[in-house]
Amino acid sequence: MAELRERVQAVLGVIRPMLQADGGDVELVNVLEDGTVQVKLKGACGGCPMSRITLKRGIEARVKKDIPEVKAVEAV
């Protein structure tokens, strides 16, 4: 699990600058055994009405593309 968490952190590190450019950020909270990644959207992303789209079409799509064993990314 630790290796998967490190890989997820690396992908989030690639995504993070794009979120930060808009005043937001993403924090990895947990990686569950079923392949679900839990994240917290911060800053402007935390209250943005488009955050669900950012989460699913941006963050989740990229994480799942780079790490096929990830099944879902959800905000907590």
C-alpha atoms as a PDB file:
ATOM      1  CA  MET A   1       0.000   0.000   0.000  1.00  0.00           C
ATOM      2  CA  ALA A   2       2.849   2.383   0.766  1.00  0.00           C
ATOM      3  CA  GLU A   3       4.168   2.000  -2.782  1.00  0.00           C
ATOM      4  CA  LEU A   4       0.737   2.780  -4.251  1.00  0.00           C
ATOM      5  CA  ARG A   5       0.412   5.818  -1.988  1.00  0.00           C
ATOM      6  CA  GLU A   6       3.793   7.104  -3.229  1.00  0.00           C
ATOM      7  CA  ARG A   7       2.708   6.653  -6.847  1.00  0.00           C
ATOM      8  CA  VAL A   8      -0.535   8.537  -6.203  1.00  0.00           C
ATOM      9  CA  GLN A   9       1.431  11.330  -4.496  1.00  0.00           C
ATOM     10  CA  ALA A  10       3.668  11.575  -7.561  1.00  0.00           C
ATOM     11  CA  VAL A  11       0.682  11.932  -9.926  1.00  0.00           C
ATOM     12  CA  LEU A  12      -0.920  14.524  -7.648  1.00  0.00           C
ATOM     13  CA  GLY A  13       2.406  16.373  -7.743  1.00  0.00           C
ATOM     14  CA  VAL A  14       2.027  16.675 -11.518  1.00  0.00           C
ATOM     15  CA  ILE A  15      -1.587  17.899 -11.227  1.00  0.00           C
ATOM     16  CA  ARG A  16      -1.016  20.231  -8.261  1.00  0.00           C
ATOM     17  CA  PRO A  17       0.592  23.171 -10.155  1.00  0.00           C
ATOM     18  CA  MET A  18      -2.478  23.461 -12.409  1.00  0.00           C
ATOM     19  CA  LEU A  19      -4.770  23.617  -9.385  1.00  0.00           C
ATOM     20  CA  GLN A  20      -2.486  26.066  -7.603  1.00  0.00           C
ATOM     21  CA  ALA A  21      -2.507  28.355 -10.639  1.00  0.00           C
ATOM     22  CA  ASP A  22      -6.233  28.830  -9.983  1.00  0.00           C
ATOM     23  CA  GLY A  23      -5.815  29.279  -6.222  1.00  0.00           C
ATOM     24  CA  GLY A  24      -6.611  25.685  -5.266  1.00  0.00           C
ATOM     25  CA  ASP A  25      -4.798  22.572  -4.167  1.00  0.00           C
ATOM     26  CA  VAL A  26      -5.320  18.868  -3.505  1.00  0.00           C
ATOM     27  CA  GLU A  27      -4.203  16.851  -0.494  1.00  0.00           C
ATOM     28  CA  LEU A  28      -3.975  13.056  -0.400  1.00  0.00           C
ATOM     29  CA  VAL A  29      -5.942  11.780   2.597  1.00  0.00           C
ATOM     30  CA  ASN A  30      -5.920   8.006   2.142  1.00  0.00           C
ATOM     31  CA  VAL A  31      -5.529   5.136  -0.313  1.00  0.00           C
ATOM     32  CA  LEU A  32      -7.945   2.328   0.515  1.00  0.00           C
ATOM     33  CA  GLU A  33      -7.345  -1.356  -0.174  1.00  0.00           C
ATOM     34  CA  ASP A  34     -10.199  -1.430  -2.716  1.00  0.00           C
ATOM     35  CA  GLY A  35      -8.308   1.025  -4.948  1.00  0.00           C
ATOM     36  CA  THR A  36     -10.189   4.144  -3.856  1.00  0.00           C
ATOM     37  CA  VAL A  37      -8.120   7.284  -3.380  1.00  0.00           C
ATOM     38  CA  GLN A  38      -9.469   9.857  -0.944  1.00  0.00           C
ATOM     39  CA  VAL A  39      -8.406  13.462  -1.411  1.00  0.00           C
ATOM     40  CA  LYS A  40      -9.270  16.828   0.067  1.00  0.00           C
ATOM     41  CA  LEU A  41      -9.722  19.768  -2.272  1.00  0.00           C
ATOM     42  CA  LYS A  42      -8.327  22.927  -0.708  1.00  0.00           C
ATOM     43  CA  GLY A  43      -8.274  26.644  -1.341  1.00  0.00           C
ATOM     44  CA  ALA A  44     -10.376  27.843  -4.250  1.00  0.00           C
ATOM     45  CA  CYS A  45     -11.080  24.223  -5.243  1.00  0.00           C
ATOM     46  CA  GLY A  46     -12.738  23.506  -1.908  1.00  0.00           C
ATOM     47  CA  GLY A  47     -15.706  25.783  -2.537  1.00  0.00           C
ATOM     48  CA  CYS A  48     -15.762  25.956  -6.307  1.00  0.00           C
ATOM     49  CA  PRO A  49     -19.015  24.898  -7.995  1.00  0.00           C
ATOM     50  CA  MET A  50     -16.899  23.155 -10.655  1.00  0.00           C
ATOM     51  CA  SER A  51     -14.915  21.112  -8.111  1.00  0.00           C
ATOM     52  CA  ARG A  52     -16.802  17.881  -8.888  1.00  0.00           C
ATOM     53  CA  ILE A  53     -15.829  18.191 -12.561  1.00  0.00           C
ATOM     54  CA  THR A  54     -12.239  19.001 -11.592  1.00  0.00           C
ATOM     55  CA  LEU A  55     -12.213  15.951  -9.331  1.00  0.00           C
ATOM     56  CA  LYS A  56     -13.700  13.466 -11.813  1.00  0.00           C
ATOM     57  CA  ARG A  57     -12.519  14.689 -15.222  1.00  0.00           C
ATOM     58  CA  GLY A  58      -9.218  16.109 -14.095  1.00  0.00           C
ATOM     59  CA  ILE A  59      -7.786  14.473 -10.998  1.00  0.00           C
ATOM     60  CA  GLU A  60      -9.487  11.058 -11.189  1.00  0.00           C
ATOM     61  CA  ALA A  61      -8.966  10.701 -14.936  1.00  0.00           C
ATOM     62  CA  ARG A  62      -5.239  11.425 -14.646  1.00  0.00           C
ATOM     63  CA  VAL A  63      -4.683   9.218 -11.596  1.00  0.00           C
ATOM     64  CA  LYS A  64      -6.552   6.283 -13.158  1.00  0.00           C
ATOM     65  CA  LYS A  65      -4.692   6.740 -16.463  1.00  0.00           C
ATOM     66  CA  ASP A  66      -1.289   6.667 -14.766  1.00  0.00           C
ATOM     67  CA  ILE A  67      -2.176   4.075 -12.105  1.00  0.00           C
ATOM     68  CA  PRO A  68      -4.676   1.541 -13.504  1.00  0.00           C
ATOM     69  CA  GLU A  69      -5.171  -0.210 -10.151  1.00  0.00           C
ATOM     70  CA  VAL A  70      -6.875   2.932  -8.815  1.00  0.00           C
ATOM     71  CA  LYS A  71     -10.628   2.411  -9.146  1.00  0.00           C
ATOM     72  CA  ALA A  72     -11.937   5.825  -8.017  1.00  0.00           C
ATOM     73  CA  VAL A  73     -10.921   9.169  -6.564  1.00  0.00           C
ATOM     74  CA  GLU A  74     -13.305  10.761  -4.084  1.00  0.00           C
ATOM     75  CA  ALA A  75     -13.335  13.975  -2.091  1.00  0.00           C
ATOM     76  CA  VAL A  76     -13.630  13.692   1.671  1.00  0.00           C
END
